[in-house]
């Protein structure tokens, strides 16, 4: 998958969060993508632009928690991305990662399992649901 497409999708998600938007500008985008890829790999998913779109709430929540205290400091930001990526790589499952994170940073992560299992269609507006229904309409089937 084209990395720039994924960065563009993350930018679109982060645009409403000034601090997270600044994060994309100030960080090494390749390392940031690697961190998200490792996160999704831990939950047996592959990071794609579509998954980024579907899991917006997860990405925003995760990003706000892990970067809340250091978002303006470039050196600390790169260090934090490296630390989180390492912890994700060393973890065998989500619970192990949560335990490591809590031990290291003295804060708890939200229930990521719930956010990973959240179906993006439940978050669609009524308009989006109607558009989806119209796009998937099979007129031959309804004759």
C-alpha atoms as a PDB file:
ATOM      1  CA  UNK A   1       0.000   0.000   0.000  1.00  0.00           C
ATOM      2  CA  UNK A   2       1.212   3.467  -0.808  1.00  0.00           C
ATOM      3  CA  UNK A   3       2.494   5.107   2.363  1.00  0.00           C
ATOM      4  CA  UNK A   4       1.487   8.569   1.201  1.00  0.00           C
ATOM      5  CA  UNK A   5      -2.152   7.470   0.875  1.00  0.00           C
ATOM      6  CA  UNK A   6      -2.092   6.268   4.495  1.00  0.00           C
ATOM      7  CA  UNK A   7      -0.432   9.492   5.665  1.00  0.00           C
ATOM      8  CA  UNK A   8      -3.084  11.477   3.780  1.00  0.00           C
ATOM      9  CA  UNK A   9      -5.824   9.461   5.477  1.00  0.00           C
ATOM     10  CA  UNK A  10      -4.259  10.028   8.896  1.00  0.00           C
ATOM     11  CA  UNK A  11      -3.989  13.736   8.105  1.00  0.00           C
ATOM     12  CA  UNK A  12      -7.670  13.804   7.215  1.00  0.00           C
ATOM     13  CA  UNK A  13      -8.536  12.168  10.542  1.00  0.00           C
ATOM     14  CA  UNK A  14      -6.199  14.377  12.581  1.00  0.00           C
ATOM     15  CA  UNK A  15      -7.194  17.638  10.885  1.00  0.00           C
ATOM     16  CA  UNK A  16      -9.820  18.428  13.543  1.00  0.00           C
ATOM     17  CA  UNK A  17      -7.376  17.799  16.387  1.00  0.00           C
ATOM     18  CA  UNK A  18      -4.829  20.621  16.277  1.00  0.00           C
ATOM     19  CA  UNK A  19      -2.290  18.855  18.477  1.00  0.00           C
ATOM     20  CA  UNK A  20      -2.478  15.606  16.517  1.00  0.00           C
ATOM     21  CA  UNK A  21      -2.273  17.509  13.239  1.00  0.00           C
ATOM     22  CA  UNK A  22       0.913  19.120  14.544  1.00  0.00           C
ATOM     23  CA  UNK A  23       2.123  15.605  15.375  1.00  0.00           C
ATOM     24  CA  UNK A  24       2.031  14.605  11.700  1.00  0.00           C
ATOM     25  CA  UNK A  25       3.907  17.740  10.698  1.00  0.00           C
ATOM     26  CA  UNK A  26       6.629  17.372  13.320  1.00  0.00           C
ATOM     27  CA  UNK A  27       7.241  13.633  13.324  1.00  0.00           C
ATOM     28  CA  UNK A  28       9.004  11.211  11.073  1.00  0.00           C
ATOM     29  CA  UNK A  29       5.935   9.990   9.184  1.00  0.00           C
ATOM     30  CA  UNK A  30       7.540   6.687   8.264  1.00  0.00           C
ATOM     31  CA  UNK A  31       8.177   5.831  11.930  1.00  0.00           C
ATOM     32  CA  UNK A  32       4.661   6.935  12.827  1.00  0.00           C
ATOM     33  CA  UNK A  33       3.194   4.649  10.155  1.00  0.00           C
ATOM     34  CA  UNK A  34       5.368   1.784  11.387  1.00  0.00           C
ATOM     35  CA  UNK A  35       3.958   2.301  14.885  1.00  0.00           C
ATOM     36  CA  UNK A  36       0.367   2.116  13.611  1.00  0.00           C
ATOM     37  CA  UNK A  37       1.196  -0.909  11.446  1.00  0.00           C
ATOM     38  CA  UNK A  38       2.619  -2.662  14.501  1.00  0.00           C
ATOM     39  CA  UNK A  39      -0.471  -1.740  16.532  1.00  0.00           C
ATOM     40  CA  UNK A  40      -2.816  -3.194  13.939  1.00  0.00           C
ATOM     41  CA  UNK A  41      -0.611  -6.253  13.485  1.00  0.00           C
ATOM     42  CA  UNK A  42      -0.981  -6.968  17.222  1.00  0.00           C
ATOM     43  CA  UNK A  43      -4.743  -7.205  16.626  1.00  0.00           C
ATOM     44  CA  UNK A  44      -4.236  -9.303  13.446  1.00  0.00           C
ATOM     45  CA  UNK A  45      -5.201  -6.553  11.020  1.00  0.00           C
ATOM     46  CA  UNK A  46      -3.262  -4.973   8.187  1.00  0.00           C
ATOM     47  CA  UNK A  47      -3.063  -1.195   8.096  1.00  0.00           C
ATOM     48  CA  UNK A  48      -4.588   0.214   4.935  1.00  0.00           C
ATOM     49  CA  UNK A  49      -6.198   3.531   4.056  1.00  0.00           C
ATOM     50  CA  UNK A  50      -9.615   1.859   4.315  1.00  0.00           C
ATOM     51  CA  UNK A  51      -8.848   0.476   7.779  1.00  0.00           C
ATOM     52  CA  UNK A  52      -7.632   3.918   8.862  1.00  0.00           C
ATOM     53  CA  UNK A  53     -10.977   5.319   7.707  1.00  0.00           C
ATOM     54  CA  UNK A  54     -12.941   2.571   9.448  1.00  0.00           C
ATOM     55  CA  UNK A  55     -11.011   2.800  12.728  1.00  0.00           C
ATOM     56  CA  UNK A  56     -10.884   6.593  13.086  1.00  0.00           C
ATOM     57  CA  UNK A  57     -12.090   6.504  16.698  1.00  0.00           C
ATOM     58  CA  UNK A  58      -9.458   3.937  17.640  1.00  0.00           C
ATOM     59  CA  UNK A  59      -6.624   5.902  16.032  1.00  0.00           C
ATOM     60  CA  UNK A  60      -7.704   9.196  17.580  1.00  0.00           C
ATOM     61  CA  UNK A  61      -8.176   7.717  21.045  1.00  0.00           C
ATOM     62  CA  UNK A  62      -4.888   5.811  20.941  1.00  0.00           C
ATOM     63  CA  UNK A  63      -2.965   8.809  19.611  1.00  0.00           C
ATOM     64  CA  UNK A  64      -4.410  11.260  22.126  1.00  0.00           C
ATOM     65  CA  UNK A  65      -3.466   9.021  25.043  1.00  0.00           C
ATOM     66  CA  UNK A  66       0.060   8.106  24.002  1.00  0.00           C
ATOM     67  CA  UNK A  67       1.088  11.573  22.822  1.00  0.00           C
ATOM     68  CA  UNK A  68      -0.866  13.836  25.185  1.00  0.00           C
ATOM     69  CA  UNK A  69       2.090  14.929  27.306  1.00  0.00           C
ATOM     70  CA  UNK A  70       4.795  15.380  24.647  1.00  0.00           C
ATOM     71  CA  UNK A  71       3.107  16.504  21.457  1.00  0.00           C
ATOM     72  CA  UNK A  72       5.004  19.814  21.207  1.00  0.00           C
ATOM     73  CA  UNK A  73       8.480  18.420  21.833  1.00  0.00           C
ATOM     74  CA  UNK A  74      10.083  16.977  18.669  1.00  0.00           C
ATOM     75  CA  UNK A  75      12.817  14.984  20.443  1.00  0.00           C
ATOM     76  CA  UNK A  76      10.401  13.451  22.895  1.00  0.00           C
ATOM     77  CA  UNK A  77       7.929  12.742  20.111  1.00  0.00           C
ATOM     78  CA  UNK A  78      10.364  10.649  18.091  1.00  0.00           C
ATOM     79  CA  UNK A  79      11.468   8.873  21.267  1.00  0.00           C
ATOM     80  CA  UNK A  80       7.832   8.136  22.222  1.00  0.00           C
ATOM     81  CA  UNK A  81       7.057   6.725  18.770  1.00  0.00           C
ATOM     82  CA  UNK A  82      10.088   4.452  19.068  1.00  0.00           C
ATOM     83  CA  UNK A  83       9.115   3.366  22.611  1.00  0.00           C
ATOM     84  CA  UNK A  84       5.522   2.574  21.660  1.00  0.00           C
ATOM     85  CA  UNK A  85       6.591   0.694  18.526  1.00  0.00           C
ATOM     86  CA  UNK A  86       9.047  -1.354  20.589  1.00  0.00           C
ATOM     87  CA  UNK A  87       6.438  -2.183  23.228  1.00  0.00           C
ATOM     88  CA  UNK A  88       3.961  -3.188  20.523  1.00  0.00           C
ATOM     89  CA  UNK A  89       6.592  -5.397  18.865  1.00  0.00           C
ATOM     90  CA  UNK A  90       7.466  -7.112  22.145  1.00  0.00           C
ATOM     91  CA  UNK A  91       3.854  -7.733  23.151  1.00  0.00           C
ATOM     92  CA  UNK A  92       2.141 -11.013  22.387  1.00  0.00           C
ATOM     93  CA  UNK A  93      -1.365  -9.570  22.705  1.00  0.00           C
ATOM     94  CA  UNK A  94      -3.265  -6.412  23.535  1.00  0.00           C
ATOM     95  CA  UNK A  95      -3.429  -7.069  27.258  1.00  0.00           C
ATOM     96  CA  UNK A  96       0.327  -7.484  27.490  1.00  0.00           C
ATOM     97  CA  UNK A  97       0.783  -4.182  25.673  1.00  0.00           C
ATOM     98  CA  UNK A  98      -1.662  -2.438  28.040  1.00  0.00           C
ATOM     99  CA  UNK A  99       0.270  -3.794  31.024  1.00  0.00           C
ATOM    100  CA  UNK A 100       3.613  -2.638  29.618  1.00  0.00           C
ATOM    101  CA  UNK A 101       2.187   0.778  28.783  1.00  0.00           C
ATOM    102  CA  UNK A 102       0.723   1.237  32.260  1.00  0.00           C
ATOM    103  CA  UNK A 103       3.984   0.183  33.893  1.00  0.00           C
ATOM    104  CA  UNK A 104       6.095   2.530  31.762  1.00  0.00           C
ATOM    105  CA  UNK A 105       3.885   5.628  31.577  1.00  0.00           C
ATOM    106  CA  UNK A 106       1.785   5.296  34.771  1.00  0.00           C
ATOM    107  CA  UNK A 107      -1.456   5.723  32.787  1.00  0.00           C
ATOM    108  CA  UNK A 108      -4.061   3.296  31.552  1.00  0.00           C
ATOM    109  CA  UNK A 109      -5.090   2.765  27.981  1.00  0.00           C
ATOM    110  CA  UNK A 110      -8.795   2.441  27.173  1.00  0.00           C
ATOM    111  CA  UNK A 111     -10.179  -0.912  26.115  1.00  0.00           C
ATOM    112  CA  UNK A 112      -8.585  -1.199  22.673  1.00  0.00           C
ATOM    113  CA  UNK A 113     -10.341  -4.522  22.005  1.00  0.00           C
ATOM    114  CA  UNK A 114     -13.669  -2.706  22.071  1.00  0.00           C
ATOM    115  CA  UNK A 115     -12.353  -0.048  19.695  1.00  0.00           C
ATOM    116  CA  UNK A 116     -10.878  -2.652  17.325  1.00  0.00           C
ATOM    117  CA  UNK A 117     -14.115  -4.611  17.254  1.00  0.00           C
ATOM    118  CA  UNK A 118     -16.278  -1.512  16.781  1.00  0.00           C
ATOM    119  CA  UNK A 119     -17.970  -1.763  13.416  1.00  0.00           C
ATOM    120  CA  UNK A 120     -17.514   1.448  11.464  1.00  0.00           C
ATOM    121  CA  UNK A 121     -21.001   1.118   9.960  1.00  0.00           C
ATOM    122  CA  UNK A 122     -22.478   1.757  13.401  1.00  0.00           C
ATOM    123  CA  UNK A 123     -20.802   5.191  13.313  1.00  0.00           C
ATOM    124  CA  UNK A 124     -22.200   6.259   9.942  1.00  0.00           C
ATOM    125  CA  UNK A 125     -24.676   9.120   9.751  1.00  0.00           C
ATOM    126  CA  UNK A 126     -28.176   8.467   8.417  1.00  0.00           C
ATOM    127  CA  UNK A 127     -27.188  10.126   5.164  1.00  0.00           C
ATOM    128  CA  UNK A 128     -24.138   7.870   4.778  1.00  0.00           C
ATOM    129  CA  UNK A 129     -26.255   4.776   5.514  1.00  0.00           C
ATOM    130  CA  UNK A 130     -28.772   5.800   2.821  1.00  0.00           C
ATOM    131  CA  UNK A 131     -25.969   6.466   0.312  1.00  0.00           C
ATOM    132  CA  UNK A 132     -24.442   3.055   1.081  1.00  0.00           C
ATOM    133  CA  UNK A 133     -27.822   1.383   0.639  1.00  0.00           C
ATOM    134  CA  UNK A 134     -28.349   3.180  -2.696  1.00  0.00           C
ATOM    135  CA  UNK A 135     -24.890   2.253  -3.953  1.00  0.00           C
ATOM    136  CA  UNK A 136     -25.464  -1.405  -3.095  1.00  0.00           C
ATOM    137  CA  UNK A 137     -29.005  -1.538  -4.507  1.00  0.00           C
ATOM    138  CA  UNK A 138     -29.544  -4.368  -6.961  1.00  0.00           C
ATOM    139  CA  UNK A 139     -32.519  -3.455  -9.123  1.00  0.00           C
ATOM    140  CA  UNK A 140     -32.621  -6.890 -10.781  1.00  0.00           C
ATOM    141  CA  UNK A 141     -33.109  -8.570  -7.454  1.00  0.00           C
ATOM    142  CA  UNK A 142     -36.125  -6.408  -6.597  1.00  0.00           C
ATOM    143  CA  UNK A 143     -38.137  -7.009  -9.815  1.00  0.00           C
END
